[in-house]
Each structure stands twice: as C-alpha cells, then as structure tokens.
Amino acid sequence: MDPARRTELVRLVRQDCGSCHGLTLQGGLGPALLPETLKDKPVENLKFVIMQGRPGTAMPPWKRFLTEAEAQWIVENLQKGFPSEH
C-alpha cells in the first residue's frame, strides 16, 4: 500500500470511524477501538464487521470504500495501537 493511501486510511479511521467510536477511539456511540478491547477478537471477524457493517446499528458497511487488504491493515493497526494523522 502506498504512503498516500495509508495517510487516507488513518484519516478515515480517525475522522469517519472516530465520529462514532470517539476521535481518540476510546468509544462513544460505538465501542472503543483500542488494542486492549480488540486483542482477543479474531481479525477475520473484525474485518467482516468493517466491510459488511452491523445491520440494525449505526455501523455502516465500508466495502464500497475499502478493499479487503485495507480492512485487514486497519484491523491489524487497531489491534496494535492506531497511528496518529501526523
């Protein structure tokens, strides 16, 4: 993945996901997306939720905007501590 797309993904998570999960990803309308809350969750399950959303909740599907590989990158980075925009 090129550095420009990585920067876009960091911004997407921090801003778009952060609008529900908190700008610091510590939770809000949606649950916290911190390493300690995600460490025991299977990567495939988290990736599925990102791509397909959660019907009946505020979590939309992101499959129109992300590839599977990008969703995987997001999950792996959330589980180890998501980078800042800077």
N, C-alpha and C. Protein backbone atom coordinates (compact mmCIF):
# COMPACT_ATOMS: atom_id res chain seq x y z
N MET A 1 0.85 -1.17 0.00
CA MET A 1 0.00 0.00 0.00
C MET A 1 0.90 1.24 0.00
N ASP A 2 0.57 2.18 -0.84
CA ASP A 2 1.43 3.36 -0.92
C ASP A 2 1.18 4.30 0.26
N PRO A 3 2.17 5.13 0.59
CA PRO A 3 2.06 6.01 1.75
C PRO A 3 0.87 6.97 1.69
N ALA A 4 0.50 7.44 0.51
CA ALA A 4 -0.64 8.35 0.40
C ALA A 4 -1.93 7.65 0.81
N ARG A 5 -2.10 6.40 0.39
CA ARG A 5 -3.32 5.66 0.77
C ARG A 5 -3.32 5.37 2.26
N ARG A 6 -2.16 5.05 2.82
CA ARG A 6 -2.07 4.83 4.27
C ARG A 6 -2.53 6.08 5.01
N THR A 7 -2.08 7.24 4.56
CA THR A 7 -2.47 8.51 5.18
C THR A 7 -3.99 8.70 5.09
N GLU A 8 -4.57 8.36 3.93
CA GLU A 8 -6.02 8.46 3.76
C GLU A 8 -6.75 7.53 4.73
N LEU A 9 -6.24 6.32 4.90
CA LEU A 9 -6.88 5.36 5.80
C LEU A 9 -6.79 5.81 7.25
N VAL A 10 -5.66 6.37 7.64
CA VAL A 10 -5.53 6.88 9.01
C VAL A 10 -6.56 7.98 9.22
N ARG A 11 -6.67 8.88 8.26
CA ARG A 11 -7.64 9.97 8.37
C ARG A 11 -9.06 9.43 8.41
N LEU A 12 -9.36 8.43 7.58
CA LEU A 12 -10.70 7.83 7.57
C LEU A 12 -11.04 7.25 8.94
N VAL A 13 -10.12 6.49 9.50
CA VAL A 13 -10.39 5.89 10.81
C VAL A 13 -10.52 6.97 11.87
N ARG A 14 -9.61 7.91 11.89
CA ARG A 14 -9.64 8.95 12.92
C ARG A 14 -10.87 9.85 12.81
N GLN A 15 -11.28 10.18 11.60
CA GLN A 15 -12.40 11.09 11.42
C GLN A 15 -13.74 10.37 11.26
N ASP A 16 -13.84 9.51 10.24
CA ASP A 16 -15.13 8.86 9.96
C ASP A 16 -15.49 7.84 11.03
N CYS A 17 -14.58 6.92 11.32
CA CYS A 17 -14.86 5.94 12.38
C CYS A 17 -14.92 6.65 13.73
N GLY A 18 -14.03 7.65 13.89
CA GLY A 18 -13.98 8.39 15.14
C GLY A 18 -15.26 9.15 15.46
N SER A 19 -16.07 9.45 14.43
CA SER A 19 -17.31 10.17 14.70
C SER A 19 -18.26 9.35 15.56
N CYS A 20 -18.16 8.04 15.52
CA CYS A 20 -18.98 7.18 16.39
C CYS A 20 -18.15 6.51 17.50
N HIS A 21 -16.92 6.15 17.17
CA HIS A 21 -16.08 5.42 18.12
C HIS A 21 -15.22 6.36 18.96
N GLY A 22 -15.40 7.66 18.81
CA GLY A 22 -14.62 8.64 19.54
C GLY A 22 -13.37 9.02 18.77
N LEU A 23 -13.06 10.30 18.73
CA LEU A 23 -11.91 10.77 17.95
C LEU A 23 -10.60 10.18 18.45
N THR A 24 -10.58 9.75 19.70
CA THR A 24 -9.39 9.08 20.22
C THR A 24 -9.60 7.55 20.26
N LEU A 25 -10.70 7.12 19.63
CA LEU A 25 -11.07 5.70 19.51
C LEU A 25 -11.35 5.04 20.86
N GLN A 26 -11.66 5.85 21.87
CA GLN A 26 -11.94 5.32 23.21
C GLN A 26 -13.41 5.02 23.43
N GLY A 27 -14.21 5.13 22.38
CA GLY A 27 -15.62 4.79 22.48
C GLY A 27 -16.50 6.02 22.47
N GLY A 28 -17.72 5.81 22.11
CA GLY A 28 -18.75 6.85 22.04
C GLY A 28 -20.04 6.13 21.75
N LEU A 29 -20.68 6.47 20.63
CA LEU A 29 -21.86 5.73 20.20
C LEU A 29 -21.46 4.27 19.93
N GLY A 30 -20.30 4.10 19.31
CA GLY A 30 -19.75 2.77 19.07
C GLY A 30 -18.73 2.42 20.15
N PRO A 31 -18.36 1.15 20.25
CA PRO A 31 -17.40 0.73 21.27
C PRO A 31 -15.99 1.25 21.01
N ALA A 32 -15.16 1.18 22.03
CA ALA A 32 -13.76 1.58 21.91
C ALA A 32 -13.05 0.68 20.89
N LEU A 33 -12.12 1.29 20.16
CA LEU A 33 -11.31 0.55 19.18
C LEU A 33 -9.85 0.58 19.60
N LEU A 34 -9.63 0.21 20.83
CA LEU A 34 -8.29 0.23 21.40
C LEU A 34 -7.70 -1.18 21.44
N PRO A 35 -6.37 -1.28 21.45
CA PRO A 35 -5.75 -2.62 21.48
C PRO A 35 -6.29 -3.53 22.58
N GLU A 36 -6.50 -2.98 23.76
CA GLU A 36 -6.96 -3.83 24.87
C GLU A 36 -8.39 -4.32 24.68
N THR A 37 -9.22 -3.59 23.93
CA THR A 37 -10.59 -4.06 23.69
C THR A 37 -10.68 -4.97 22.47
N LEU A 38 -9.67 -4.94 21.61
CA LEU A 38 -9.71 -5.72 20.37
C LEU A 38 -8.75 -6.92 20.36
N LYS A 39 -7.89 -7.01 21.35
CA LYS A 39 -6.81 -8.01 21.31
C LYS A 39 -7.30 -9.45 21.20
N ASP A 40 -8.44 -9.76 21.79
CA ASP A 40 -8.94 -11.14 21.76
C ASP A 40 -9.94 -11.40 20.65
N LYS A 41 -10.21 -10.39 19.84
CA LYS A 41 -11.18 -10.53 18.75
C LYS A 41 -10.47 -11.06 17.50
N PRO A 42 -11.03 -12.07 16.85
CA PRO A 42 -10.41 -12.59 15.63
C PRO A 42 -10.37 -11.53 14.52
N VAL A 43 -9.24 -11.44 13.86
CA VAL A 43 -9.04 -10.48 12.78
C VAL A 43 -10.13 -10.62 11.72
N GLU A 44 -10.45 -11.84 11.34
CA GLU A 44 -11.46 -12.06 10.29
C GLU A 44 -12.83 -11.51 10.70
N ASN A 45 -13.18 -11.65 11.97
CA ASN A 45 -14.47 -11.12 12.44
C ASN A 45 -14.49 -9.60 12.39
N LEU A 46 -13.42 -8.98 12.83
CA LEU A 46 -13.34 -7.52 12.81
C LEU A 46 -13.37 -7.00 11.37
N LYS A 47 -12.65 -7.66 10.52
CA LYS A 47 -12.61 -7.28 9.10
C LYS A 47 -14.01 -7.41 8.49
N PHE A 48 -14.72 -8.47 8.83
CA PHE A 48 -16.08 -8.68 8.34
C PHE A 48 -16.99 -7.53 8.77
N VAL A 49 -16.90 -7.13 10.02
CA VAL A 49 -17.73 -6.03 10.53
C VAL A 49 -17.42 -4.73 9.78
N ILE A 50 -16.14 -4.46 9.54
CA ILE A 50 -15.78 -3.25 8.80
C ILE A 50 -16.39 -3.31 7.39
N MET A 51 -16.23 -4.40 6.73
CA MET A 51 -16.68 -4.50 5.33
C MET A 51 -18.21 -4.57 5.21
N GLN A 52 -18.87 -5.30 6.11
CA GLN A 52 -20.31 -5.55 5.98
C GLN A 52 -21.18 -4.69 6.90
N GLY A 53 -20.58 -4.07 7.91
CA GLY A 53 -21.37 -3.30 8.87
C GLY A 53 -22.10 -4.22 9.83
N ARG A 54 -22.95 -3.61 10.64
CA ARG A 54 -23.78 -4.37 11.58
C ARG A 54 -25.22 -3.92 11.38
N PRO A 55 -26.02 -4.72 10.69
CA PRO A 55 -27.43 -4.34 10.47
C PRO A 55 -28.14 -4.04 11.79
N GLY A 56 -28.97 -3.03 11.76
CA GLY A 56 -29.73 -2.66 12.96
C GLY A 56 -28.95 -1.77 13.91
N THR A 57 -27.72 -1.40 13.52
CA THR A 57 -26.92 -0.50 14.35
C THR A 57 -26.45 0.67 13.48
N ALA A 58 -25.71 1.57 14.08
CA ALA A 58 -25.16 2.71 13.34
C ALA A 58 -23.92 2.34 12.53
N MET A 59 -23.44 1.09 12.65
CA MET A 59 -22.23 0.68 11.94
C MET A 59 -22.55 0.36 10.49
N PRO A 60 -22.09 1.23 9.56
CA PRO A 60 -22.37 1.00 8.14
C PRO A 60 -21.34 0.06 7.52
N PRO A 61 -21.68 -0.51 6.37
CA PRO A 61 -20.67 -1.28 5.63
C PRO A 61 -19.71 -0.32 4.93
N TRP A 62 -18.44 -0.66 4.94
CA TRP A 62 -17.42 0.18 4.30
C TRP A 62 -16.88 -0.46 3.03
N LYS A 63 -17.50 -1.54 2.56
CA LYS A 63 -16.99 -2.27 1.40
C LYS A 63 -16.95 -1.44 0.13
N ARG A 64 -17.73 -0.38 0.04
CA ARG A 64 -17.68 0.48 -1.15
C ARG A 64 -16.43 1.36 -1.17
N PHE A 65 -15.82 1.51 0.00
CA PHE A 65 -14.70 2.45 0.14
C PHE A 65 -13.36 1.78 0.40
N LEU A 66 -13.39 0.50 0.81
CA LEU A 66 -12.17 -0.20 1.22
C LEU A 66 -12.04 -1.54 0.51
N THR A 67 -10.80 -1.94 0.29
CA THR A 67 -10.54 -3.30 -0.18
C THR A 67 -10.41 -4.20 1.05
N GLU A 68 -10.44 -5.49 0.83
CA GLU A 68 -10.22 -6.45 1.93
C GLU A 68 -8.85 -6.21 2.57
N ALA A 69 -7.84 -5.97 1.74
CA ALA A 69 -6.48 -5.74 2.25
C ALA A 69 -6.43 -4.47 3.10
N GLU A 70 -7.16 -3.45 2.72
CA GLU A 70 -7.18 -2.22 3.52
C GLU A 70 -7.89 -2.43 4.84
N ALA A 71 -8.98 -3.18 4.82
CA ALA A 71 -9.67 -3.52 6.08
C ALA A 71 -8.76 -4.33 6.98
N GLN A 72 -8.02 -5.25 6.41
CA GLN A 72 -7.05 -6.04 7.18
C GLN A 72 -6.01 -5.13 7.82
N TRP A 73 -5.48 -4.17 7.05
CA TRP A 73 -4.49 -3.22 7.56
C TRP A 73 -5.05 -2.42 8.72
N ILE A 74 -6.30 -1.97 8.58
CA ILE A 74 -6.95 -1.21 9.65
C ILE A 74 -7.05 -2.06 10.91
N VAL A 75 -7.54 -3.28 10.78
CA VAL A 75 -7.70 -4.16 11.95
C VAL A 75 -6.35 -4.41 12.63
N GLU A 76 -5.35 -4.76 11.84
CA GLU A 76 -4.03 -5.04 12.42
C GLU A 76 -3.49 -3.83 13.15
N ASN A 77 -3.71 -2.65 12.62
CA ASN A 77 -3.22 -1.44 13.28
C ASN A 77 -4.06 -1.07 14.49
N LEU A 78 -5.35 -1.30 14.45
CA LEU A 78 -6.18 -1.06 15.63
C LEU A 78 -5.74 -1.98 16.77
N GLN A 79 -5.41 -3.22 16.45
CA GLN A 79 -5.02 -4.18 17.48
C GLN A 79 -3.66 -3.87 18.10
N LYS A 80 -2.83 -3.14 17.40
CA LYS A 80 -1.53 -2.82 17.99
C LYS A 80 -1.40 -1.36 18.43
N GLY A 81 -2.39 -0.55 18.13
CA GLY A 81 -2.38 0.87 18.51
C GLY A 81 -2.37 1.71 17.24
N PHE A 82 -3.50 2.33 16.95
CA PHE A 82 -3.65 3.01 15.66
C PHE A 82 -2.77 4.25 15.58
N PRO A 83 -2.13 4.45 14.43
CA PRO A 83 -1.24 5.61 14.27
C PRO A 83 -2.03 6.92 14.25
N SER A 84 -1.34 8.00 14.57
CA SER A 84 -1.96 9.32 14.50
C SER A 84 -1.88 9.82 13.07
N GLU A 85 -2.56 10.93 12.80
CA GLU A 85 -2.56 11.50 11.46
C GLU A 85 -1.26 12.21 11.14
N HIS A 86 -0.42 12.41 12.11
CA HIS A 86 0.80 13.21 11.89
C HIS A 86 2.00 12.33 11.65
